[in-house]
Amino acid sequence: MNDLTPLPFVFHQVKSKLKGHQKRITGLAFSTTLNILVSSGADAQICFWSIDTWEKRKSVAIQMPAGKAANGDTRVQFHVDQIRILAVHETQLAIFEASKMECIRQWIPQDSLSSPISSAVYACNSQLIYTTLRDGNIGVFDADTLRLRCRISPSAYLPPGNQGLSPLVVAAHPQEPNQFAVGLNDGSVKVIEPTEAEGKWGMVPPSEAINTSPSTTSNQTPEQLQR
């Protein structure tokens, strides 16, 4: 017999309503070190809120490239130090010093990585930033300087005749700093890590693509690892 006992009703209240964005919210991140909440929106604005009073400390606009409208989803993620914060927009990667609430680094798609950014995330140790672009390229950046450490071309992880395939989201492994997963628009997931010879994502010329291998940390077949 099924238990149809209703769940107890839990009373709650809205602590505070924060108003600072003109368009939808696309990113939120807390820092207990600085006692702030950072919000980002489709208005290309980043707002800093006090956790103690819920008052807005500051609002900063993403520095858009010339000719680009100030809109589009912006997502935020704190560095492991909970002081620096990564802001990801299709036009750029930006590192903010949250304690000063100002941008200290910026990278704009260029040269061999010129397509709009689809997603980016810190590695688990916050030393790297994995960045996917809509044309299938993946950039591995040094998190402190935003220097490109290597480029992974679509041919390194996508099957031949991959027209139309592109990565939409990237996630860093929670314990292996050199491993990450990308989700593709065909419903598949690829787990990517350096070859055994490389060991980690090193400094190579941006124009060169590094060979990659799917993760072999489970008993799944390569096809299972890709989906």
Protein backbone atom coordinates (compact mmCIF):
# COMPACT_ATOMS: atom_id res chain seq x y z
CA MET A 1 0.00 0.00 0.00
CA ASN A 2 1.39 3.37 -0.98
CA ASP A 3 2.08 5.88 1.75
CA LEU A 4 -0.07 8.89 0.86
CA THR A 5 0.76 10.89 3.98
CA PRO A 6 1.18 14.49 2.88
CA LEU A 7 4.52 16.12 3.44
CA PRO A 8 4.60 18.69 6.26
CA PHE A 9 4.12 22.26 5.15
CA VAL A 10 7.26 24.32 5.71
CA PHE A 11 6.82 28.01 6.37
CA HIS A 12 9.37 30.26 4.73
CA GLN A 13 9.93 33.86 3.91
CA VAL A 14 11.78 35.83 1.29
CA LYS A 15 14.84 37.26 3.00
CA SER A 16 15.42 40.05 0.52
CA LYS A 17 14.71 41.07 -3.06
CA LEU A 18 17.79 42.32 -4.89
CA LYS A 19 17.21 44.68 -7.78
CA GLY A 20 20.09 45.71 -10.00
CA HIS A 21 19.78 44.01 -13.39
CA GLN A 22 17.72 45.10 -16.37
CA LYS A 23 17.49 41.63 -17.94
CA ARG A 24 17.39 38.00 -16.81
CA ILE A 25 19.91 36.68 -14.31
CA THR A 26 22.35 34.21 -15.87
CA GLY A 27 24.91 33.64 -13.11
CA LEU A 28 25.28 33.68 -9.31
CA ALA A 29 28.28 33.00 -7.05
CA PHE A 30 28.89 33.40 -3.31
CA SER A 31 32.18 34.27 -1.59
CA THR A 32 32.24 33.57 2.15
CA THR A 33 35.75 35.03 2.26
CA LEU A 34 34.50 38.45 1.12
CA ASN A 35 30.92 38.05 2.37
CA ILE A 36 29.47 38.91 -1.01
CA LEU A 37 27.11 37.51 -3.60
CA VAL A 38 28.00 38.20 -7.22
CA SER A 39 25.27 38.20 -9.84
CA SER A 40 25.55 38.44 -13.62
CA GLY A 41 22.88 38.94 -16.22
CA ALA A 42 21.98 39.12 -19.89
CA ASP A 43 22.47 42.88 -19.62
CA ALA A 44 26.27 42.27 -19.46
CA GLN A 45 26.31 43.68 -15.93
CA ILE A 46 27.97 42.20 -12.83
CA CYS A 47 26.61 43.23 -9.44
CA PHE A 48 28.28 42.80 -6.06
CA TRP A 49 25.97 42.40 -3.04
CA SER A 50 26.76 42.42 0.68
CA ILE A 51 25.68 39.17 2.35
CA ASP A 52 25.31 40.98 5.68
CA THR A 53 22.94 43.75 4.54
CA TRP A 54 21.99 42.59 1.00
CA GLU A 55 22.77 46.07 -0.24
CA LYS A 56 24.42 46.48 -3.64
CA ARG A 57 28.05 47.47 -3.27
CA LYS A 58 28.75 48.08 -6.94
CA SER A 59 27.62 47.35 -10.47
CA VAL A 60 30.22 46.82 -13.21
CA ALA A 61 29.61 46.58 -16.95
CA ILE A 62 31.45 43.97 -18.98
CA GLN A 63 33.87 45.78 -21.31
CA MET A 64 32.41 44.84 -24.66
CA PRO A 65 34.55 44.76 -27.84
CA ALA A 66 33.98 47.60 -30.28
CA GLY A 67 30.77 47.21 -32.23
CA LYS A 68 29.25 44.64 -29.86
CA ALA A 69 26.00 45.34 -28.07
CA ALA A 70 26.02 45.13 -24.27
CA ASN A 71 23.86 42.02 -24.01
CA GLY A 72 24.16 38.24 -23.92
CA ASP A 73 24.44 35.73 -21.08
CA THR A 74 27.27 36.29 -18.60
CA ARG A 75 28.21 33.57 -16.12
CA VAL A 76 30.41 33.84 -13.06
CA GLN A 77 32.52 31.42 -10.99
CA PHE A 78 34.83 32.11 -8.07
CA HIS A 79 38.47 31.07 -8.04
CA VAL A 80 39.32 28.62 -5.24
CA ASP A 81 40.69 31.61 -3.29
CA GLN A 82 37.16 33.13 -3.34
CA ILE A 83 38.65 36.51 -4.19
CA ARG A 84 39.10 36.38 -7.95
CA ILE A 85 36.09 35.65 -10.10
CA LEU A 86 35.83 34.43 -13.68
CA ALA A 87 33.19 36.11 -15.86
CA VAL A 88 32.33 34.30 -19.08
CA HIS A 89 30.61 36.01 -22.00
CA GLU A 90 30.50 34.92 -25.63
CA THR A 91 32.84 37.81 -26.44
CA GLN A 92 35.42 37.30 -23.69
CA LEU A 93 36.89 35.79 -20.57
CA ALA A 94 37.35 38.34 -17.79
CA ILE A 95 38.98 37.99 -14.38
CA PHE A 96 37.70 40.33 -11.66
CA GLU A 97 39.34 41.16 -8.37
CA ALA A 98 36.18 40.85 -6.31
CA SER A 99 37.58 42.67 -3.27
CA LYS A 100 38.15 45.74 -5.47
CA MET A 101 35.22 44.92 -7.77
CA GLU A 102 37.25 45.65 -10.92
CA CYS A 103 38.44 43.76 -13.99
CA ILE A 104 42.14 42.85 -13.92
CA ARG A 105 42.44 40.50 -16.93
CA GLN A 106 40.56 40.05 -20.19
CA TRP A 107 40.86 37.74 -23.19
CA ILE A 108 38.91 38.24 -26.40
CA PRO A 109 38.58 35.47 -29.04
CA GLN A 110 41.22 35.97 -31.73
CA ASP A 111 43.48 34.25 -34.26
CA SER A 112 43.00 30.45 -34.14
CA LEU A 113 40.38 30.87 -31.41
CA SER A 114 38.14 33.50 -32.93
CA SER A 115 34.71 31.91 -32.60
CA PRO A 116 32.26 33.04 -29.88
CA ILE A 117 32.72 31.39 -26.48
CA SER A 118 30.06 28.87 -25.48
CA SER A 119 31.30 27.98 -21.97
CA ALA A 120 34.28 28.22 -19.64
CA VAL A 121 35.19 26.94 -16.18
CA TYR A 122 38.06 26.87 -13.70
CA ALA A 123 39.91 23.57 -13.21
CA CYS A 124 39.40 22.12 -9.73
CA ASN A 125 42.65 23.72 -8.50
CA SER A 126 41.85 27.00 -10.30
CA GLN A 127 45.18 26.97 -12.14
CA LEU A 128 43.61 26.47 -15.57
CA ILE A 129 40.51 27.66 -17.38
CA TYR A 130 38.86 25.29 -19.86
CA THR A 131 37.05 27.20 -22.60
CA THR A 132 34.83 25.86 -25.38
CA LEU A 133 34.07 27.79 -28.54
CA ARG A 134 31.14 27.37 -30.88
CA ASP A 135 33.27 26.21 -33.80
CA GLY A 136 34.46 23.19 -31.78
CA ASN A 137 37.86 24.49 -30.70
CA ILE A 138 38.78 24.26 -27.01
CA GLY A 139 41.26 26.56 -25.33
CA VAL A 140 43.17 25.73 -22.15
CA PHE A 141 44.26 28.96 -20.46
CA ASP A 142 46.51 29.82 -17.56
CA ALA A 143 44.09 31.10 -14.93
CA ASP A 144 46.41 33.81 -13.59
CA THR A 145 47.49 35.40 -16.86
CA LEU A 146 44.83 34.22 -19.35
CA ARG A 147 47.67 33.09 -21.61
CA LEU A 148 46.68 30.29 -23.95
CA ARG A 149 48.52 27.12 -22.92
CA CYS A 150 47.18 24.94 -25.72
CA ARG A 151 44.43 24.63 -28.29
CA ILE A 152 42.45 21.44 -28.83
CA SER A 153 41.10 21.32 -32.37
CA PRO A 154 37.71 19.73 -33.19
CA SER A 155 39.46 16.92 -35.10
CA ALA A 156 41.18 15.81 -31.87
CA TYR A 157 37.93 14.76 -30.18
CA LEU A 158 35.13 14.86 -32.77
CA PRO A 159 34.52 12.14 -35.41
CA PRO A 160 35.25 12.80 -39.11
CA GLY A 161 32.53 14.74 -40.88
CA ASN A 162 31.56 16.53 -37.70
CA GLN A 163 29.86 19.47 -39.40
CA GLY A 164 27.31 20.98 -37.09
CA LEU A 165 28.75 19.46 -33.90
CA SER A 166 29.85 21.92 -31.24
CA PRO A 167 30.43 21.98 -27.47
CA LEU A 168 27.81 23.83 -25.46
CA VAL A 169 29.06 23.38 -21.91
CA VAL A 170 32.26 22.37 -20.13
CA ALA A 171 32.74 20.95 -16.61
CA ALA A 172 36.03 20.42 -14.76
CA HIS A 173 36.71 17.14 -12.96
CA PRO A 174 36.40 17.76 -9.19
CA GLN A 175 39.69 16.01 -8.34
CA GLU A 176 41.76 15.69 -11.53
CA PRO A 177 42.90 19.19 -12.55
CA ASN A 178 43.89 18.09 -16.07
CA GLN A 179 40.63 16.37 -16.94
CA PHE A 180 37.36 17.90 -18.06
CA ALA A 181 34.13 17.01 -19.86
CA VAL A 182 32.32 18.77 -22.69
CA GLY A 183 28.67 18.40 -23.60
CA LEU A 184 27.84 18.56 -27.31
CA ASN A 185 24.75 19.71 -29.16
CA ASP A 186 24.04 16.15 -30.35
CA GLY A 187 23.46 14.93 -26.79
CA SER A 188 26.88 13.32 -26.31
CA VAL A 189 29.53 14.01 -23.68
CA LYS A 190 33.29 13.76 -24.23
CA VAL A 191 35.75 13.33 -21.35
CA ILE A 192 39.12 14.80 -22.32
CA GLU A 193 42.59 14.64 -20.79
CA PRO A 194 46.19 15.01 -22.07
CA THR A 195 47.96 12.02 -23.58
CA GLU A 196 50.14 10.00 -21.23
CA ALA A 197 53.21 11.45 -22.92
CA GLU A 198 52.07 15.00 -22.18
CA GLY A 199 50.81 14.37 -18.68
CA LYS A 200 49.33 17.83 -18.39
CA TRP A 201 48.29 20.75 -20.56
CA GLY A 202 51.59 22.46 -21.37
CA MET A 203 52.73 25.54 -23.20
CA VAL A 204 52.49 24.98 -26.95
CA PRO A 205 52.12 27.46 -29.82
CA PRO A 206 48.48 28.60 -30.10
CA SER A 207 48.42 27.62 -33.78
CA GLU A 208 49.09 23.96 -32.95
CA ALA A 209 46.53 21.48 -31.69
CA ILE A 210 47.48 19.00 -29.01
CA ASN A 211 46.52 15.33 -29.26
CA THR A 212 44.06 14.15 -26.66
CA SER A 213 42.76 10.84 -25.44
CA PRO A 214 39.44 9.92 -23.84
CA SER A 215 39.54 9.16 -20.14
CA THR A 216 40.24 5.54 -19.27
CA THR A 217 39.47 5.83 -15.57
CA SER A 218 36.40 3.58 -15.77
CA ASN A 219 35.49 0.19 -17.20
CA GLN A 220 33.31 1.70 -19.90
CA THR A 221 34.00 1.31 -23.59
CA PRO A 222 35.21 4.37 -25.54
CA GLU A 223 31.71 4.76 -26.99
CA GLN A 224 30.21 4.77 -23.48
CA LEU A 225 32.71 7.36 -22.37
CA GLN A 226 31.62 9.66 -25.17
CA ARG A 227 27.94 9.57 -24.28
